[in-house]
Amino acid sequence: MFSKNKLSVTFIPPATFCNPVLQRKYTLTHSDETGELFLSVGLTFDNNAIDMTMRDEVIAEWKQDRNGLMILKGCAFVDAGMFDEQTASIRYTIFKREMALALMGMINGDSAFFPCHPTLLDSPIFIQYVSIFPQFHHVSYEGTPRDFLV
């Protein structure tokens, strides 16, 4: 369940609640113990927030597709060769199950951005699940930001 009370948001300058659009990057991490979500919004991903041994964050950024349309393109690291196939399967299942919560955290954590750029509410969200195992490595359409506003 998503709770705005369990979401902490940090803007990394020069990013503001309204700008930039292109290359606006989100880093979403969490605490397994408290259920809290931590969102960083900036021009770079917040590598200080990422646990490089677990890689259980979800990252995303605003980009233009080859037709010039804006998309929110994200990534979830299922594995990069550091986990066996069984562990990768478990991680993939968790990422798929929790992706809606992660996207709710990103979209609601940056909710002041959308009145500045209302057309982005209907932009597609694509998440790349990264794995060395072909069954877990793919891109998934997850909806639009409008689908995740609460």
N, C-alpha and C. Protein backbone atom coordinates (compact mmCIF):
# COMPACT_ATOMS: atom_id res chain seq x y z
N MET A 1 0.84 -1.19 0.00
CA MET A 1 0.00 0.00 0.00
C MET A 1 0.88 1.25 0.00
N PHE A 2 0.51 2.21 -0.84
CA PHE A 2 1.24 3.46 -0.89
C PHE A 2 0.71 4.41 0.18
N SER A 3 1.63 5.03 0.91
CA SER A 3 1.28 6.03 1.91
C SER A 3 2.19 7.24 1.73
N LYS A 4 1.59 8.40 1.45
CA LYS A 4 2.38 9.62 1.29
C LYS A 4 3.19 9.93 2.55
N ASN A 5 2.69 9.49 3.70
CA ASN A 5 3.38 9.72 4.97
C ASN A 5 4.69 8.96 5.07
N LYS A 6 4.85 7.92 4.26
CA LYS A 6 6.07 7.11 4.30
C LYS A 6 6.99 7.42 3.12
N LEU A 7 6.79 8.59 2.51
CA LEU A 7 7.60 8.98 1.36
C LEU A 7 8.39 10.23 1.70
N SER A 8 9.71 10.16 1.54
CA SER A 8 10.60 11.31 1.71
C SER A 8 11.16 11.67 0.34
N VAL A 9 11.14 12.98 0.03
CA VAL A 9 11.59 13.44 -1.28
C VAL A 9 12.72 14.45 -1.11
N THR A 10 13.78 14.27 -1.91
CA THR A 10 14.91 15.19 -1.94
C THR A 10 15.13 15.66 -3.36
N PHE A 11 15.20 16.98 -3.53
CA PHE A 11 15.54 17.55 -4.83
C PHE A 11 17.02 17.88 -4.81
N ILE A 12 17.71 17.40 -5.84
CA ILE A 12 19.15 17.64 -5.96
C ILE A 12 19.33 18.80 -6.94
N PRO A 13 19.79 19.98 -6.43
CA PRO A 13 19.97 21.13 -7.33
C PRO A 13 20.89 20.80 -8.49
N PRO A 14 20.60 21.36 -9.64
CA PRO A 14 19.69 22.47 -9.89
C PRO A 14 18.25 22.05 -10.18
N ALA A 15 17.88 20.80 -9.99
CA ALA A 15 16.49 20.38 -10.22
C ALA A 15 15.57 21.09 -9.24
N THR A 16 14.41 21.50 -9.75
CA THR A 16 13.39 22.13 -8.92
C THR A 16 12.09 21.35 -9.11
N PHE A 17 11.04 21.78 -8.45
CA PHE A 17 9.77 21.08 -8.60
C PHE A 17 9.22 21.20 -10.01
N CYS A 18 9.73 22.13 -10.82
CA CYS A 18 9.17 22.37 -12.15
C CYS A 18 10.14 22.07 -13.30
N ASN A 19 11.43 22.11 -13.06
CA ASN A 19 12.42 21.95 -14.13
C ASN A 19 13.62 21.15 -13.65
N PRO A 20 14.36 20.54 -14.54
CA PRO A 20 14.17 20.43 -15.98
C PRO A 20 13.15 19.35 -16.30
N VAL A 21 12.81 19.23 -17.58
CA VAL A 21 11.97 18.12 -18.02
C VAL A 21 12.88 17.03 -18.58
N LEU A 22 13.56 17.35 -19.68
CA LEU A 22 14.46 16.36 -20.27
C LEU A 22 15.57 16.00 -19.29
N GLN A 23 15.82 14.73 -19.19
CA GLN A 23 16.86 14.17 -18.33
C GLN A 23 16.57 14.36 -16.83
N ARG A 24 15.33 14.66 -16.47
CA ARG A 24 14.93 14.68 -15.06
C ARG A 24 15.00 13.24 -14.59
N LYS A 25 15.77 12.99 -13.54
CA LYS A 25 16.03 11.62 -13.10
C LYS A 25 15.47 11.38 -11.71
N TYR A 26 14.95 10.17 -11.55
CA TYR A 26 14.38 9.73 -10.27
C TYR A 26 15.17 8.52 -9.76
N THR A 27 15.49 8.54 -8.49
CA THR A 27 16.09 7.39 -7.82
C THR A 27 15.18 7.06 -6.64
N LEU A 28 14.58 5.88 -6.67
CA LEU A 28 13.67 5.48 -5.59
C LEU A 28 14.27 4.28 -4.85
N THR A 29 14.47 4.45 -3.56
CA THR A 29 14.95 3.38 -2.70
C THR A 29 13.94 3.19 -1.58
N HIS A 30 14.17 2.20 -0.76
CA HIS A 30 13.21 1.91 0.31
C HIS A 30 13.92 1.28 1.51
N SER A 31 13.17 1.23 2.60
CA SER A 31 13.62 0.53 3.80
C SER A 31 12.73 -0.69 3.98
N ASP A 32 13.32 -1.87 4.00
CA ASP A 32 12.55 -3.09 4.25
C ASP A 32 11.96 -3.09 5.66
N GLU A 33 12.69 -2.48 6.62
CA GLU A 33 12.24 -2.51 8.01
C GLU A 33 11.04 -1.61 8.27
N THR A 34 11.05 -0.38 7.70
CA THR A 34 10.00 0.59 8.02
C THR A 34 8.96 0.73 6.92
N GLY A 35 9.27 0.24 5.72
CA GLY A 35 8.37 0.43 4.59
C GLY A 35 8.44 1.82 4.00
N GLU A 36 9.39 2.64 4.46
CA GLU A 36 9.53 3.99 3.93
C GLU A 36 10.11 3.96 2.52
N LEU A 37 9.70 4.95 1.71
CA LEU A 37 10.24 5.15 0.37
C LEU A 37 11.04 6.44 0.37
N PHE A 38 12.14 6.44 -0.36
CA PHE A 38 13.01 7.60 -0.45
C PHE A 38 13.22 7.93 -1.93
N LEU A 39 12.79 9.13 -2.32
CA LEU A 39 12.88 9.55 -3.71
C LEU A 39 13.85 10.71 -3.83
N SER A 40 14.79 10.60 -4.76
CA SER A 40 15.67 11.71 -5.11
C SER A 40 15.33 12.12 -6.53
N VAL A 41 15.23 13.44 -6.76
CA VAL A 41 14.93 14.00 -8.07
C VAL A 41 16.09 14.91 -8.44
N GLY A 42 16.72 14.65 -9.59
CA GLY A 42 17.85 15.47 -9.98
C GLY A 42 18.21 15.30 -11.44
N LEU A 43 19.35 15.85 -11.81
CA LEU A 43 19.87 15.70 -13.17
C LEU A 43 20.74 14.47 -13.31
N THR A 44 21.08 13.85 -12.18
CA THR A 44 21.83 12.60 -12.15
C THR A 44 21.10 11.66 -11.19
N PHE A 45 21.35 10.38 -11.33
CA PHE A 45 20.81 9.44 -10.37
C PHE A 45 21.57 9.60 -9.07
N ASP A 46 20.89 9.36 -7.96
CA ASP A 46 21.48 9.54 -6.64
C ASP A 46 22.24 8.27 -6.24
N ASN A 47 23.47 8.15 -6.72
CA ASN A 47 24.27 6.96 -6.45
C ASN A 47 24.56 6.78 -4.97
N ASN A 48 24.53 7.86 -4.19
CA ASN A 48 24.75 7.75 -2.75
C ASN A 48 23.61 7.01 -2.05
N ALA A 49 22.43 7.01 -2.66
CA ALA A 49 21.27 6.35 -2.06
C ALA A 49 21.18 4.88 -2.45
N ILE A 50 21.95 4.48 -3.46
CA ILE A 50 21.84 3.12 -4.00
C ILE A 50 22.76 2.17 -3.25
N ASP A 51 22.20 1.05 -2.81
CA ASP A 51 23.00 -0.02 -2.20
C ASP A 51 23.55 -0.87 -3.34
N MET A 52 24.82 -0.69 -3.64
CA MET A 52 25.41 -1.35 -4.81
C MET A 52 25.52 -2.86 -4.67
N THR A 53 25.34 -3.40 -3.47
CA THR A 53 25.37 -4.86 -3.33
C THR A 53 23.98 -5.46 -3.55
N MET A 54 22.93 -4.73 -3.19
CA MET A 54 21.57 -5.25 -3.35
C MET A 54 20.92 -4.83 -4.67
N ARG A 55 21.18 -3.61 -5.10
CA ARG A 55 20.61 -3.07 -6.33
C ARG A 55 19.10 -3.27 -6.38
N ASP A 56 18.41 -2.84 -5.31
CA ASP A 56 16.96 -3.00 -5.27
C ASP A 56 16.21 -1.68 -5.49
N GLU A 57 16.92 -0.69 -6.03
CA GLU A 57 16.30 0.59 -6.35
C GLU A 57 15.56 0.50 -7.69
N VAL A 58 14.72 1.49 -7.93
CA VAL A 58 14.13 1.69 -9.24
C VAL A 58 14.52 3.09 -9.67
N ILE A 59 15.08 3.20 -10.88
CA ILE A 59 15.47 4.51 -11.40
C ILE A 59 14.67 4.78 -12.67
N ALA A 60 14.50 6.07 -12.96
CA ALA A 60 13.77 6.44 -14.17
C ALA A 60 14.17 7.85 -14.58
N GLU A 61 13.95 8.17 -15.84
CA GLU A 61 14.21 9.52 -16.31
C GLU A 61 13.30 9.87 -17.48
N TRP A 62 13.05 11.17 -17.62
CA TRP A 62 12.27 11.67 -18.74
C TRP A 62 13.17 11.79 -19.95
N LYS A 63 12.70 11.18 -21.06
CA LYS A 63 13.46 11.19 -22.32
C LYS A 63 12.49 11.41 -23.47
N GLN A 64 13.06 11.75 -24.61
CA GLN A 64 12.27 11.78 -25.84
C GLN A 64 12.52 10.49 -26.58
N ASP A 65 11.44 9.90 -27.12
CA ASP A 65 11.63 8.71 -27.95
C ASP A 65 12.06 9.16 -29.35
N ARG A 66 12.25 8.22 -30.25
CA ARG A 66 12.76 8.57 -31.59
C ARG A 66 11.78 9.42 -32.39
N ASN A 67 10.53 9.49 -31.96
CA ASN A 67 9.54 10.33 -32.62
C ASN A 67 9.39 11.70 -31.95
N GLY A 68 10.20 11.94 -30.93
CA GLY A 68 10.14 13.22 -30.23
C GLY A 68 9.12 13.28 -29.11
N LEU A 69 8.44 12.16 -28.84
CA LEU A 69 7.45 12.12 -27.76
C LEU A 69 8.14 11.85 -26.43
N MET A 70 7.61 12.46 -25.38
CA MET A 70 8.20 12.28 -24.05
C MET A 70 7.75 10.94 -23.46
N ILE A 71 8.71 10.24 -22.86
CA ILE A 71 8.43 8.98 -22.16
C ILE A 71 9.18 9.01 -20.83
N LEU A 72 8.67 8.27 -19.88
CA LEU A 72 9.38 8.04 -18.63
C LEU A 72 9.97 6.64 -18.75
N LYS A 73 11.29 6.58 -18.84
CA LYS A 73 11.99 5.31 -19.04
C LYS A 73 12.71 4.94 -17.76
N GLY A 74 12.38 3.76 -17.24
CA GLY A 74 12.96 3.34 -15.98
C GLY A 74 13.72 2.03 -16.09
N CYS A 75 14.31 1.65 -14.97
CA CYS A 75 15.15 0.45 -14.95
C CYS A 75 15.09 -0.18 -13.57
N ALA A 76 15.00 -1.50 -13.57
CA ALA A 76 15.09 -2.30 -12.34
C ALA A 76 16.15 -3.37 -12.58
N PHE A 77 17.16 -3.41 -11.73
CA PHE A 77 18.25 -4.37 -11.89
C PHE A 77 17.89 -5.69 -11.21
N VAL A 78 17.39 -6.62 -11.99
CA VAL A 78 17.06 -7.94 -11.45
C VAL A 78 18.36 -8.63 -11.04
N ASP A 79 19.32 -8.60 -11.95
CA ASP A 79 20.65 -9.13 -11.65
C ASP A 79 21.58 -8.65 -12.75
N ALA A 80 22.83 -8.68 -12.47
CA ALA A 80 23.84 -8.36 -13.47
C ALA A 80 24.95 -9.41 -13.37
N GLY A 81 24.51 -10.63 -13.16
CA GLY A 81 25.47 -11.72 -13.01
C GLY A 81 25.89 -11.97 -11.58
N MET A 82 25.36 -11.16 -10.64
CA MET A 82 25.77 -11.35 -9.25
C MET A 82 24.86 -12.29 -8.47
N PHE A 83 23.75 -12.70 -9.08
CA PHE A 83 22.82 -13.63 -8.43
C PHE A 83 22.61 -14.85 -9.32
N ASP A 84 22.30 -15.97 -8.69
CA ASP A 84 21.99 -17.16 -9.47
C ASP A 84 20.57 -17.04 -10.03
N GLU A 85 20.18 -17.98 -10.88
CA GLU A 85 18.88 -17.90 -11.55
C GLU A 85 17.71 -17.95 -10.59
N GLN A 86 17.81 -18.75 -9.54
CA GLN A 86 16.72 -18.84 -8.56
C GLN A 86 16.55 -17.50 -7.83
N THR A 87 17.65 -16.90 -7.42
CA THR A 87 17.59 -15.60 -6.74
C THR A 87 17.07 -14.54 -7.70
N ALA A 88 17.53 -14.59 -8.95
CA ALA A 88 17.05 -13.64 -9.96
C ALA A 88 15.54 -13.78 -10.16
N SER A 89 15.04 -15.00 -10.14
CA SER A 89 13.60 -15.24 -10.28
C SER A 89 12.82 -14.60 -9.13
N ILE A 90 13.32 -14.76 -7.92
CA ILE A 90 12.67 -14.17 -6.75
C ILE A 90 12.70 -12.64 -6.85
N ARG A 91 13.86 -12.09 -7.21
CA ARG A 91 13.99 -10.63 -7.34
C ARG A 91 13.05 -10.10 -8.43
N TYR A 92 12.96 -10.79 -9.54
CA TYR A 92 12.09 -10.38 -10.63
C TYR A 92 10.63 -10.36 -10.16
N THR A 93 10.22 -11.39 -9.46
CA THR A 93 8.85 -11.46 -8.94
C THR A 93 8.57 -10.30 -7.99
N ILE A 94 9.53 -9.97 -7.14
CA ILE A 94 9.36 -8.86 -6.21
C ILE A 94 9.29 -7.54 -6.97
N PHE A 95 10.20 -7.33 -7.92
CA PHE A 95 10.16 -6.08 -8.70
C PHE A 95 8.82 -5.93 -9.41
N LYS A 96 8.33 -6.99 -10.04
CA LYS A 96 7.05 -6.92 -10.75
C LYS A 96 5.90 -6.61 -9.78
N ARG A 97 5.93 -7.25 -8.62
CA ARG A 97 4.87 -7.06 -7.63
C ARG A 97 4.90 -5.64 -7.05
N GLU A 98 6.08 -5.08 -6.87
CA GLU A 98 6.22 -3.79 -6.19
C GLU A 98 6.37 -2.60 -7.14
N MET A 99 6.37 -2.85 -8.45
CA MET A 99 6.60 -1.75 -9.39
C MET A 99 5.55 -0.67 -9.28
N ALA A 100 4.30 -1.03 -9.12
CA ALA A 100 3.24 -0.01 -9.00
C ALA A 100 3.51 0.88 -7.79
N LEU A 101 3.93 0.31 -6.68
CA LEU A 101 4.26 1.10 -5.49
C LEU A 101 5.43 2.03 -5.77
N ALA A 102 6.46 1.53 -6.45
CA ALA A 102 7.61 2.36 -6.79
C ALA A 102 7.19 3.53 -7.68
N LEU A 103 6.36 3.25 -8.67
CA LEU A 103 5.91 4.32 -9.57
C LEU A 103 4.99 5.30 -8.85
N MET A 104 4.19 4.83 -7.92
CA MET A 104 3.38 5.75 -7.10
C MET A 104 4.29 6.68 -6.31
N GLY A 105 5.38 6.13 -5.77
CA GLY A 105 6.33 6.95 -5.03
C GLY A 105 6.95 8.02 -5.92
N MET A 106 7.38 7.64 -7.12
CA MET A 106 7.99 8.61 -8.03
C MET A 106 7.00 9.69 -8.45
N ILE A 107 5.83 9.27 -8.91
CA ILE A 107 4.87 10.21 -9.47
C ILE A 107 4.30 11.12 -8.38
N ASN A 108 3.94 10.56 -7.24
CA ASN A 108 3.37 11.38 -6.17
C ASN A 108 4.44 12.21 -5.47
N GLY A 109 5.66 11.69 -5.42
CA GLY A 109 6.75 12.46 -4.83
C GLY A 109 7.11 13.66 -5.67
N ASP A 110 6.83 13.61 -6.94
CA ASP A 110 7.11 14.72 -7.85
C ASP A 110 5.81 15.34 -8.36
N SER A 111 4.76 15.30 -7.56
CA SER A 111 3.44 15.72 -8.02
C SER A 111 3.38 17.20 -8.38
N ALA A 112 4.22 18.05 -7.81
CA ALA A 112 4.21 19.48 -8.16
C ALA A 112 4.76 19.72 -9.56
N PHE A 113 5.44 18.73 -10.13
CA PHE A 113 6.01 18.83 -11.47
C PHE A 113 4.91 18.80 -12.55
N PHE A 114 3.87 18.03 -12.32
CA PHE A 114 2.88 17.80 -13.36
C PHE A 114 1.97 18.99 -13.66
N PRO A 115 1.61 19.85 -12.70
CA PRO A 115 0.89 21.07 -13.09
C PRO A 115 1.72 21.97 -14.01
N CYS A 116 3.05 21.92 -13.90
CA CYS A 116 3.93 22.69 -14.80
C CYS A 116 3.98 22.07 -16.19
N HIS A 117 3.76 20.76 -16.27
CA HIS A 117 3.87 20.02 -17.53
C HIS A 117 2.73 18.99 -17.61
N PRO A 118 1.48 19.46 -17.70
CA PRO A 118 0.34 18.56 -17.59
C PRO A 118 0.25 17.49 -18.68
N THR A 119 0.81 17.74 -19.85
CA THR A 119 0.73 16.72 -20.91
C THR A 119 1.54 15.47 -20.55
N LEU A 120 2.50 15.60 -19.65
CA LEU A 120 3.31 14.45 -19.26
C LEU A 120 2.51 13.43 -18.45
N LEU A 121 1.37 13.82 -17.92
CA LEU A 121 0.53 12.88 -17.19
C LEU A 121 0.08 11.71 -18.06
N ASP A 122 0.06 11.92 -19.37
CA ASP A 122 -0.39 10.88 -20.28
C ASP A 122 0.76 10.26 -21.08
N SER A 123 1.98 10.53 -20.68
CA SER A 123 3.14 9.94 -21.35
C SER A 123 3.32 8.50 -20.90
N PRO A 124 3.77 7.64 -21.80
CA PRO A 124 3.97 6.24 -21.41
C PRO A 124 5.16 6.05 -20.48
N ILE A 125 5.03 5.06 -19.63
CA ILE A 125 6.11 4.65 -18.73
C ILE A 125 6.58 3.27 -19.18
N PHE A 126 7.87 3.14 -19.43
CA PHE A 126 8.47 1.86 -19.79
C PHE A 126 9.55 1.53 -18.78
N ILE A 127 9.52 0.31 -18.28
CA ILE A 127 10.54 -0.16 -17.33
C ILE A 127 11.33 -1.28 -17.97
N GLN A 128 12.64 -1.14 -17.97
CA GLN A 128 13.56 -2.18 -18.44
C GLN A 128 13.93 -3.03 -17.23
N TYR A 129 13.61 -4.30 -17.29
CA TYR A 129 14.04 -5.26 -16.28
C TYR A 129 15.35 -5.84 -16.80
N VAL A 130 16.43 -5.60 -16.07
CA VAL A 130 17.77 -5.97 -16.52
C VAL A 130 18.21 -7.27 -15.85
N SER A 131 18.56 -8.25 -16.69
CA SER A 131 19.00 -9.54 -16.18
C SER A 131 19.87 -10.23 -17.22
N ILE A 132 20.77 -11.09 -16.76
CA ILE A 132 21.52 -11.93 -17.69
C ILE A 132 20.68 -13.13 -18.12
N PHE A 133 19.57 -13.36 -17.42
CA PHE A 133 18.68 -14.48 -17.75
C PHE A 133 17.58 -13.95 -18.68
N PRO A 134 17.48 -14.50 -19.89
CA PRO A 134 16.55 -13.95 -20.90
C PRO A 134 15.10 -13.86 -20.44
N GLN A 135 14.64 -14.78 -19.60
CA GLN A 135 13.24 -14.77 -19.17
C GLN A 135 12.92 -13.57 -18.26
N PHE A 136 13.94 -12.94 -17.70
CA PHE A 136 13.71 -11.79 -16.81
C PHE A 136 14.15 -10.47 -17.45
N HIS A 137 14.76 -10.53 -18.62
CA HIS A 137 15.30 -9.34 -19.28
C HIS A 137 14.33 -8.88 -20.36
N HIS A 138 13.64 -7.77 -20.09
CA HIS A 138 12.69 -7.24 -21.08
C HIS A 138 12.26 -5.83 -20.67
N VAL A 139 11.56 -5.18 -21.59
CA VAL A 139 10.96 -3.88 -21.33
C VAL A 139 9.46 -4.07 -21.17
N SER A 140 8.90 -3.42 -20.18
CA SER A 140 7.48 -3.56 -19.89
C SER A 140 6.80 -2.18 -19.88
N TYR A 141 5.67 -2.09 -20.56
CA TYR A 141 4.85 -0.88 -20.49
C TYR A 141 4.10 -0.94 -19.17
N GLU A 142 4.19 0.13 -18.38
CA GLU A 142 3.59 0.13 -17.03
C GLU A 142 2.40 1.08 -16.89
N GLY A 143 2.06 1.82 -17.95
CA GLY A 143 0.95 2.75 -17.86
C GLY A 143 1.44 4.18 -18.06
N THR A 144 0.72 5.13 -17.47
CA THR A 144 1.08 6.55 -17.56
C THR A 144 1.15 7.12 -16.15
N PRO A 145 1.79 8.28 -15.97
CA PRO A 145 1.81 8.87 -14.63
C PRO A 145 0.40 9.08 -14.05
N ARG A 146 -0.56 9.39 -14.90
CA ARG A 146 -1.93 9.58 -14.41
C ARG A 146 -2.44 8.32 -13.67
N ASP A 147 -1.99 7.15 -14.10
CA ASP A 147 -2.43 5.89 -13.49
C ASP A 147 -1.93 5.73 -12.05
N PHE A 148 -0.90 6.50 -11.68
CA PHE A 148 -0.26 6.30 -10.38
C PHE A 148 -0.48 7.44 -9.39
N LEU A 149 -1.19 8.48 -9.81
CA LEU A 149 -1.50 9.58 -8.89
C LEU A 149 -2.53 9.12 -7.86
N VAL A 150 -2.31 9.49 -6.63
CA VAL A 150 -3.31 9.17 -5.58
C VAL A 150 -3.72 10.46 -4.89
